[in-house]
Amino acid sequence: GLHLEDLVDRALATPVFSALPRYPDVTRDVA
């Protein structure tokens, strides 16, 4: 089965973009 309304809605959706981070991240691991 194929629900075309869902495909059309997704195809017409405006992509959302965000700027790349300006400042670096820091990672920490813990177990």
PDB file of all heavy atoms in Angstrom:
ATOM      1  N   GLY A   1       0.832  -1.190   0.000  1.00  0.00           N
ATOM      2  CA  GLY A   1       0.000   0.000   0.000  1.00  0.00           C
ATOM      3  C   GLY A   1       0.865   1.238   0.000  1.00  0.00           C
ATOM      4  O   GLY A   1       1.969   1.244   0.548  1.00  0.00           O
ATOM      5  N   LEU A   2       0.387   2.264  -0.631  1.00  0.00           N
ATOM      6  CA  LEU A   2       1.137   3.507  -0.726  1.00  0.00           C
ATOM      7  C   LEU A   2       0.179   4.657  -0.435  1.00  0.00           C
ATOM      8  O   LEU A   2      -0.865   4.785  -1.082  1.00  0.00           O
ATOM      9  CB  LEU A   2       1.733   3.636  -2.126  1.00  0.00           C
ATOM     10  CG  LEU A   2       2.696   4.765  -2.381  1.00  0.00           C
ATOM     11  CD1 LEU A   2       3.929   4.615  -1.508  1.00  0.00           C
ATOM     12  CD2 LEU A   2       3.128   4.757  -3.837  1.00  0.00           C
ATOM     13  N   HIS A   3       0.518   5.476   0.532  1.00  0.00           N
ATOM     14  CA  HIS A   3      -0.321   6.606   0.898  1.00  0.00           C
ATOM     15  C   HIS A   3       0.290   7.858   0.269  1.00  0.00           C
ATOM     16  O   HIS A   3       1.239   8.446   0.791  1.00  0.00           O
ATOM     17  CB  HIS A   3      -0.401   6.732   2.427  1.00  0.00           C
ATOM     18  CG  HIS A   3      -1.540   7.559   2.874  1.00  0.00           C
ATOM     19  ND1 HIS A   3      -1.387   8.861   3.248  1.00  0.00           N
ATOM     20  CD2 HIS A   3      -2.860   7.280   2.994  1.00  0.00           C
ATOM     21  CE1 HIS A   3      -2.548   9.355   3.594  1.00  0.00           C
ATOM     22  NE2 HIS A   3      -3.466   8.413   3.454  1.00  0.00           N
ATOM     23  N   LEU A   4      -0.246   8.269  -0.863  1.00  0.00           N
ATOM     24  CA  LEU A   4       0.348   9.360  -1.636  1.00  0.00           C
ATOM     25  C   LEU A   4       0.297  10.706  -0.924  1.00  0.00           C
ATOM     26  O   LEU A   4       1.198  11.534  -1.114  1.00  0.00           O
ATOM     27  CB  LEU A   4      -0.343   9.471  -3.004  1.00  0.00           C
ATOM     28  CG  LEU A   4      -0.047   8.312  -3.962  1.00  0.00           C
ATOM     29  CD1 LEU A   4      -0.833   8.482  -5.252  1.00  0.00           C
ATOM     30  CD2 LEU A   4       1.430   8.241  -4.270  1.00  0.00           C
ATOM     31  N   GLU A   5      -0.715  10.940  -0.109  1.00  0.00           N
ATOM     32  CA  GLU A   5      -0.786  12.223   0.604  1.00  0.00           C
ATOM     33  C   GLU A   5       0.442  12.452   1.474  1.00  0.00           C
ATOM     34  O   GLU A   5       0.982  13.553   1.521  1.00  0.00           O
ATOM     35  CB  GLU A   5      -2.044  12.284   1.470  1.00  0.00           C
ATOM     36  CG  GLU A   5      -3.277  12.721   0.723  1.00  0.00           C
ATOM     37  CD  GLU A   5      -4.469  12.886   1.652  1.00  0.00           C
ATOM     38  OE1 GLU A   5      -4.269  13.280   2.818  1.00  0.00           O
ATOM     39  OE2 GLU A   5      -5.582  12.616   1.196  1.00  0.00           O
ATOM     40  N   ASP A   6       0.881  11.401   2.169  1.00  0.00           N
ATOM     41  CA  ASP A   6       2.071  11.530   3.012  1.00  0.00           C
ATOM     42  C   ASP A   6       3.306  11.849   2.189  1.00  0.00           C
ATOM     43  O   ASP A   6       4.145  12.673   2.575  1.00  0.00           O
ATOM     44  CB  ASP A   6       2.305  10.252   3.826  1.00  0.00           C
ATOM     45  CG  ASP A   6       1.287  10.071   4.939  1.00  0.00           C
ATOM     46  OD1 ASP A   6       0.619  11.066   5.295  1.00  0.00           O
ATOM     47  OD2 ASP A   6       1.165   8.941   5.442  1.00  0.00           O
ATOM     48  N   LEU A   7       3.438  11.194   1.033  1.00  0.00           N
ATOM     49  CA  LEU A   7       4.599  11.457   0.170  1.00  0.00           C
ATOM     50  C   LEU A   7       4.579  12.879  -0.377  1.00  0.00           C
ATOM     51  O   LEU A   7       5.606  13.554  -0.427  1.00  0.00           O
ATOM     52  CB  LEU A   7       4.632  10.449  -0.983  1.00  0.00           C
ATOM     53  CG  LEU A   7       4.971   9.018  -0.615  1.00  0.00           C
ATOM     54  CD1 LEU A   7       4.848   8.117  -1.830  1.00  0.00           C
ATOM     55  CD2 LEU A   7       6.375   8.934  -0.041  1.00  0.00           C
ATOM     56  N   VAL A   8       3.431  13.347  -0.775  1.00  0.00           N
ATOM     57  CA  VAL A   8       3.309  14.701  -1.308  1.00  0.00           C
ATOM     58  C   VAL A   8       3.618  15.719  -0.209  1.00  0.00           C
ATOM     59  O   VAL A   8       4.340  16.698  -0.435  1.00  0.00           O
ATOM     60  CB  VAL A   8       1.904  14.933  -1.912  1.00  0.00           C
ATOM     61  CG1 VAL A   8       1.692  16.410  -2.249  1.00  0.00           C
ATOM     62  CG2 VAL A   8       1.717  14.074  -3.154  1.00  0.00           C
ATOM     63  N   ASP A   9       3.076  15.492   0.999  1.00  0.00           N
ATOM     64  CA  ASP A   9       3.343  16.414   2.112  1.00  0.00           C
ATOM     65  C   ASP A   9       4.831  16.520   2.397  1.00  0.00           C
ATOM     66  O   ASP A   9       5.363  17.607   2.623  1.00  0.00           O
ATOM     67  CB  ASP A   9       2.607  15.973   3.381  1.00  0.00           C
ATOM     68  CG  ASP A   9       1.099  16.181   3.273  1.00  0.00           C
ATOM     69  OD1 ASP A   9       0.664  16.924   2.378  1.00  0.00           O
ATOM     70  OD2 ASP A   9       0.373  15.582   4.091  1.00  0.00           O
ATOM     71  N   ARG A  10       5.509  15.394   2.398  1.00  0.00           N
ATOM     72  CA  ARG A  10       6.956  15.403   2.661  1.00  0.00           C
ATOM     73  C   ARG A  10       7.729  16.060   1.528  1.00  0.00           C
ATOM     74  O   ARG A  10       8.715  16.756   1.754  1.00  0.00           O
ATOM     75  CB  ARG A  10       7.471  13.999   2.895  1.00  0.00           C
ATOM     76  CG  ARG A  10       7.034  13.436   4.224  1.00  0.00           C
ATOM     77  CD  ARG A  10       7.563  12.020   4.398  1.00  0.00           C
ATOM     78  NE  ARG A  10       7.004  11.422   5.589  1.00  0.00           N
ATOM     79  CZ  ARG A  10       7.693  11.197   6.684  1.00  0.00           C
ATOM     80  NH1 ARG A  10       8.968  11.507   6.723  1.00  0.00           N
ATOM     81  NH2 ARG A  10       7.125  10.648   7.732  1.00  0.00           N
ATOM     82  N   ALA A  11       7.303  15.834   0.304  1.00  0.00           N
ATOM     83  CA  ALA A  11       8.000  16.413  -0.847  1.00  0.00           C
ATOM     84  C   ALA A  11       7.857  17.930  -0.876  1.00  0.00           C
ATOM     85  O   ALA A  11       8.770  18.643  -1.303  1.00  0.00           O
ATOM     86  CB  ALA A  11       7.475  15.803  -2.133  1.00  0.00           C
ATOM     87  N   LEU A  12       6.724  18.443  -0.402  1.00  0.00           N
ATOM     88  CA  LEU A  12       6.471  19.876  -0.433  1.00  0.00           C
ATOM     89  C   LEU A  12       6.959  20.604   0.812  1.00  0.00           C
ATOM     90  O   LEU A  12       6.952  21.832   0.850  1.00  0.00           O
ATOM     91  CB  LEU A  12       4.968  20.134  -0.621  1.00  0.00           C
ATOM     92  CG  LEU A  12       4.385  19.640  -1.947  1.00  0.00           C
ATOM     93  CD1 LEU A  12       2.889  19.876  -1.978  1.00  0.00           C
ATOM     94  CD2 LEU A  12       5.067  20.308  -3.135  1.00  0.00           C
ATOM     95  N   ALA A  13       7.380  19.880   1.813  1.00  0.00           N
ATOM     96  CA  ALA A  13       7.842  20.503   3.056  1.00  0.00           C
ATOM     97  C   ALA A  13       9.115  21.298   2.804  1.00  0.00           C
ATOM     98  O   ALA A  13       9.989  20.897   2.041  1.00  0.00           O
ATOM     99  CB  ALA A  13       8.086  19.447   4.125  1.00  0.00           C
ATOM    100  N   THR A  14       9.220  22.434   3.458  1.00  0.00           N
ATOM    101  CA  THR A  14      10.404  23.279   3.331  1.00  0.00           C
ATOM    102  C   THR A  14      11.510  22.720   4.212  1.00  0.00           C
ATOM    103  O   THR A  14      11.301  22.519   5.408  1.00  0.00           O
ATOM    104  CB  THR A  14      10.081  24.714   3.774  1.00  0.00           C
ATOM    105  OG1 THR A  14       8.984  25.198   3.003  1.00  0.00           O
ATOM    106  CG2 THR A  14      11.279  25.625   3.597  1.00  0.00           C
ATOM    107  N   PRO A  15      12.672  22.451   3.630  1.00  0.00           N
ATOM    108  CA  PRO A  15      13.766  21.932   4.459  1.00  0.00           C
ATOM    109  C   PRO A  15      14.204  22.982   5.489  1.00  0.00           C
ATOM    110  O   PRO A  15      14.194  24.178   5.216  1.00  0.00           O
ATOM    111  CB  PRO A  15      14.892  21.648   3.467  1.00  0.00           C
ATOM    112  CG  PRO A  15      14.435  22.118   2.145  1.00  0.00           C
ATOM    113  CD  PRO A  15      13.025  22.596   2.245  1.00  0.00           C
ATOM    114  N   VAL A  16      14.569  22.507   6.660  1.00  0.00           N
ATOM    115  CA  VAL A  16      15.018  23.393   7.728  1.00  0.00           C
ATOM    116  C   VAL A  16      16.530  23.235   7.865  1.00  0.00           C
ATOM    117  O   VAL A  16      17.039  22.126   8.007  1.00  0.00           O
ATOM    118  CB  VAL A  16      14.318  23.029   9.059  1.00  0.00           C
ATOM    119  CG1 VAL A  16      14.832  23.912  10.178  1.00  0.00           C
ATOM    120  CG2 VAL A  16      12.810  23.152   8.908  1.00  0.00           C
ATOM    121  N   PHE A  17      17.211  24.353   7.801  1.00  0.00           N
ATOM    122  CA  PHE A  17      18.657  24.349   7.930  1.00  0.00           C
ATOM    123  C   PHE A  17      19.053  25.163   9.147  1.00  0.00           C
ATOM    124  O   PHE A  17      18.406  26.142   9.489  1.00  0.00           O
ATOM    125  CB  PHE A  17      19.318  24.958   6.684  1.00  0.00           C
ATOM    126  CG  PHE A  17      19.055  24.182   5.432  1.00  0.00           C
ATOM    127  CD1 PHE A  17      18.050  24.555   4.562  1.00  0.00           C
ATOM    128  CD2 PHE A  17      19.807  23.064   5.137  1.00  0.00           C
ATOM    129  CE1 PHE A  17      17.800  23.834   3.411  1.00  0.00           C
ATOM    130  CE2 PHE A  17      19.566  22.335   3.987  1.00  0.00           C
ATOM    131  CZ  PHE A  17      18.555  22.728   3.119  1.00  0.00           C
ATOM    132  N   SER A  18      20.114  24.763   9.786  1.00  0.00           N
ATOM    133  CA  SER A  18      20.650  25.560  10.880  1.00  0.00           C
ATOM    134  C   SER A  18      22.125  25.818  10.601  1.00  0.00           C
ATOM    135  O   SER A  18      22.803  25.018   9.970  1.00  0.00           O
ATOM    136  CB  SER A  18      20.463  24.849  12.222  1.00  0.00           C
ATOM    137  OG  SER A  18      21.101  23.609  12.205  1.00  0.00           O
ATOM    138  N   ALA A  19      22.577  26.942  11.072  1.00  0.00           N
ATOM    139  CA  ALA A  19      23.970  27.322  10.843  1.00  0.00           C
ATOM    140  C   ALA A  19      24.908  26.370  11.573  1.00  0.00           C
ATOM    141  O   ALA A  19      24.553  25.801  12.608  1.00  0.00           O
ATOM    142  CB  ALA A  19      24.193  28.747  11.323  1.00  0.00           C
ATOM    143  N   LEU A  20      26.092  26.209  11.039  1.00  0.00           N
ATOM    144  CA  LEU A  20      27.104  25.417  11.719  1.00  0.00           C
ATOM    145  C   LEU A  20      27.479  26.116  13.021  1.00  0.00           C
ATOM    146  O   LEU A  20      27.493  27.349  13.092  1.00  0.00           O
ATOM    147  CB  LEU A  20      28.344  25.261  10.845  1.00  0.00           C
ATOM    148  CG  LEU A  20      28.165  24.397   9.603  1.00  0.00           C
ATOM    149  CD1 LEU A  20      29.419  24.450   8.729  1.00  0.00           C
ATOM    150  CD2 LEU A  20      27.858  22.969   9.992  1.00  0.00           C
ATOM    151  N   PRO A  21      27.793  25.342  14.049  1.00  0.00           N
ATOM    152  CA  PRO A  21      28.157  25.955  15.333  1.00  0.00           C
ATOM    153  C   PRO A  21      29.405  26.831  15.196  1.00  0.00           C
ATOM    154  O   PRO A  21      30.344  26.490  14.484  1.00  0.00           O
ATOM    155  CB  PRO A  21      28.438  24.760  16.240  1.00  0.00           C
ATOM    156  CG  PRO A  21      27.874  23.587  15.555  1.00  0.00           C
ATOM    157  CD  PRO A  21      27.799  23.894  14.103  1.00  0.00           C
ATOM    158  N   ARG A  22      29.373  27.933  15.880  1.00  0.00           N
ATOM    159  CA  ARG A  22      30.495  28.864  15.829  1.00  0.00           C
ATOM    160  C   ARG A  22      31.593  28.482  16.824  1.00  0.00           C
ATOM    161  O   ARG A  22      32.767  28.764  16.618  1.00  0.00           O
ATOM    162  CB  ARG A  22      29.964  30.261  16.137  1.00  0.00           C
ATOM    163  CG  ARG A  22      30.980  31.324  15.999  1.00  0.00           C
ATOM    164  CD  ARG A  22      30.358  32.683  16.208  1.00  0.00           C
ATOM    165  NE  ARG A  22      31.338  33.681  15.883  1.00  0.00           N
ATOM    166  CZ  ARG A  22      31.075  34.874  15.448  1.00  0.00           C
ATOM    167  NH1 ARG A  22      29.830  35.233  15.297  1.00  0.00           N
ATOM    168  NH2 ARG A  22      32.031  35.716  15.187  1.00  0.00           N
ATOM    169  N   TYR A  23      31.198  27.870  17.936  1.00  0.00           N
ATOM    170  CA  TYR A  23      32.145  27.526  18.996  1.00  0.00           C
ATOM    171  C   TYR A  23      32.276  26.012  19.106  1.00  0.00           C
ATOM    172  O   TYR A  23      31.314  25.282  18.861  1.00  0.00           O
ATOM    173  CB  TYR A  23      31.685  28.139  20.320  1.00  0.00           C
ATOM    174  CG  TYR A  23      31.594  29.638  20.230  1.00  0.00           C
ATOM    175  CD1 TYR A  23      30.367  30.261  20.074  1.00  0.00           C
ATOM    176  CD2 TYR A  23      32.737  30.421  20.248  1.00  0.00           C
ATOM    177  CE1 TYR A  23      30.276  31.639  19.957  1.00  0.00           C
ATOM    178  CE2 TYR A  23      32.653  31.805  20.129  1.00  0.00           C
ATOM    179  CZ  TYR A  23      31.419  32.404  19.985  1.00  0.00           C
ATOM    180  OH  TYR A  23      31.343  33.764  19.861  1.00  0.00           O
ATOM    181  N   PRO A  24      33.449  25.535  19.494  1.00  0.00           N
ATOM    182  CA  PRO A  24      33.682  24.086  19.535  1.00  0.00           C
ATOM    183  C   PRO A  24      32.937  23.403  20.685  1.00  0.00           C
ATOM    184  O   PRO A  24      32.611  24.034  21.693  1.00  0.00           O
ATOM    185  CB  PRO A  24      35.197  23.977  19.744  1.00  0.00           C
ATOM    186  CG  PRO A  24      35.562  25.236  20.460  1.00  0.00           C
ATOM    187  CD  PRO A  24      34.626  26.291  19.926  1.00  0.00           C
ATOM    188  N   ASP A  25      32.677  22.130  20.484  1.00  0.00           N
ATOM    189  CA  ASP A  25      32.085  21.354  21.572  1.00  0.00           C
ATOM    190  C   ASP A  25      33.183  20.619  22.331  1.00  0.00           C
ATOM    191  O   ASP A  25      34.322  20.526  21.869  1.00  0.00           O
ATOM    192  CB  ASP A  25      31.019  20.381  21.065  1.00  0.00           C
ATOM    193  CG  ASP A  25      31.584  19.271  20.189  1.00  0.00           C
ATOM    194  OD1 ASP A  25      32.773  19.315  19.820  1.00  0.00           O
ATOM    195  OD2 ASP A  25      30.830  18.353  19.858  1.00  0.00           O
ATOM    196  N   VAL A  26      32.831  20.149  23.506  1.00  0.00           N
ATOM    197  CA  VAL A  26      33.748  19.398  24.357  1.00  0.00           C
ATOM    198  C   VAL A  26      33.019  18.127  24.753  1.00  0.00           C
ATOM    199  O   VAL A  26      31.864  18.180  25.169  1.00  0.00           O
ATOM    200  CB  VAL A  26      34.125  20.198  25.626  1.00  0.00           C
ATOM    201  CG1 VAL A  26      35.044  19.400  26.517  1.00  0.00           C
ATOM    202  CG2 VAL A  26      34.750  21.534  25.258  1.00  0.00           C
ATOM    203  N   THR A  27      33.671  16.982  24.603  1.00  0.00           N
ATOM    204  CA  THR A  27      33.024  15.727  24.993  1.00  0.00           C
ATOM    205  C   THR A  27      33.703  15.140  26.219  1.00  0.00           C
ATOM    206  O   THR A  27      34.914  15.303  26.420  1.00  0.00           O
ATOM    207  CB  THR A  27      33.052  14.679  23.859  1.00  0.00           C
ATOM    208  OG1 THR A  27      34.407  14.416  23.498  1.00  0.00           O
ATOM    209  CG2 THR A  27      32.284  15.152  22.654  1.00  0.00           C
ATOM    210  N   ARG A  28      32.896  14.494  27.015  1.00  0.00           N
ATOM    211  CA  ARG A  28      33.370  13.768  28.192  1.00  0.00           C
ATOM    212  C   ARG A  28      32.650  12.425  28.208  1.00  0.00           C
ATOM    213  O   ARG A  28      31.444  12.360  27.963  1.00  0.00           O
ATOM    214  CB  ARG A  28      33.046  14.512  29.491  1.00  0.00           C
ATOM    215  CG  ARG A  28      33.756  15.814  29.687  1.00  0.00           C
ATOM    216  CD  ARG A  28      35.219  15.576  30.066  1.00  0.00           C
ATOM    217  NE  ARG A  28      35.896  16.810  30.378  1.00  0.00           N
ATOM    218  CZ  ARG A  28      36.502  17.573  29.492  1.00  0.00           C
ATOM    219  NH1 ARG A  28      36.495  17.255  28.229  1.00  0.00           N
ATOM    220  NH2 ARG A  28      37.121  18.684  29.862  1.00  0.00           N
ATOM    221  N   ASP A  29      33.383  11.377  28.496  1.00  0.00           N
ATOM    222  CA  ASP A  29      32.819  10.041  28.625  1.00  0.00           C
ATOM    223  C   ASP A  29      32.934   9.576  30.065  1.00  0.00           C
ATOM    224  O   ASP A  29      33.888   9.929  30.759  1.00  0.00           O
ATOM    225  CB  ASP A  29      33.567   9.036  27.742  1.00  0.00           C
ATOM    226  CG  ASP A  29      33.386   9.294  26.256  1.00  0.00           C
ATOM    227  OD1 ASP A  29      32.477  10.067  25.891  1.00  0.00           O
ATOM    228  OD2 ASP A  29      34.149   8.730  25.456  1.00  0.00           O
ATOM    229  N   VAL A  30      31.975   8.773  30.483  1.00  0.00           N
ATOM    230  CA  VAL A  30      32.028   8.151  31.797  1.00  0.00           C
ATOM    231  C   VAL A  30      31.309   6.813  31.695  1.00  0.00           C
ATOM    232  O   VAL A  30      30.333   6.675  30.960  1.00  0.00           O
ATOM    233  CB  VAL A  30      31.408   9.045  32.895  1.00  0.00           C
ATOM    234  CG1 VAL A  30      29.919   9.212  32.716  1.00  0.00           C
ATOM    235  CG2 VAL A  30      31.722   8.517  34.274  1.00  0.00           C
ATOM    236  N   ALA A  31      31.818   5.820  32.403  1.00  0.00           N
ATOM    237  CA  ALA A  31      31.151   4.530  32.496  1.00  0.00           C
ATOM    238  C   ALA A  31      30.679   4.351  33.930  1.00  0.00           C
ATOM    239  O   ALA A  31      31.454   4.516  34.873  1.00  0.00           O
ATOM    240  CB  ALA A  31      32.098   3.396  32.104  1.00  0.00           C
TER     241      ALA A  31
END
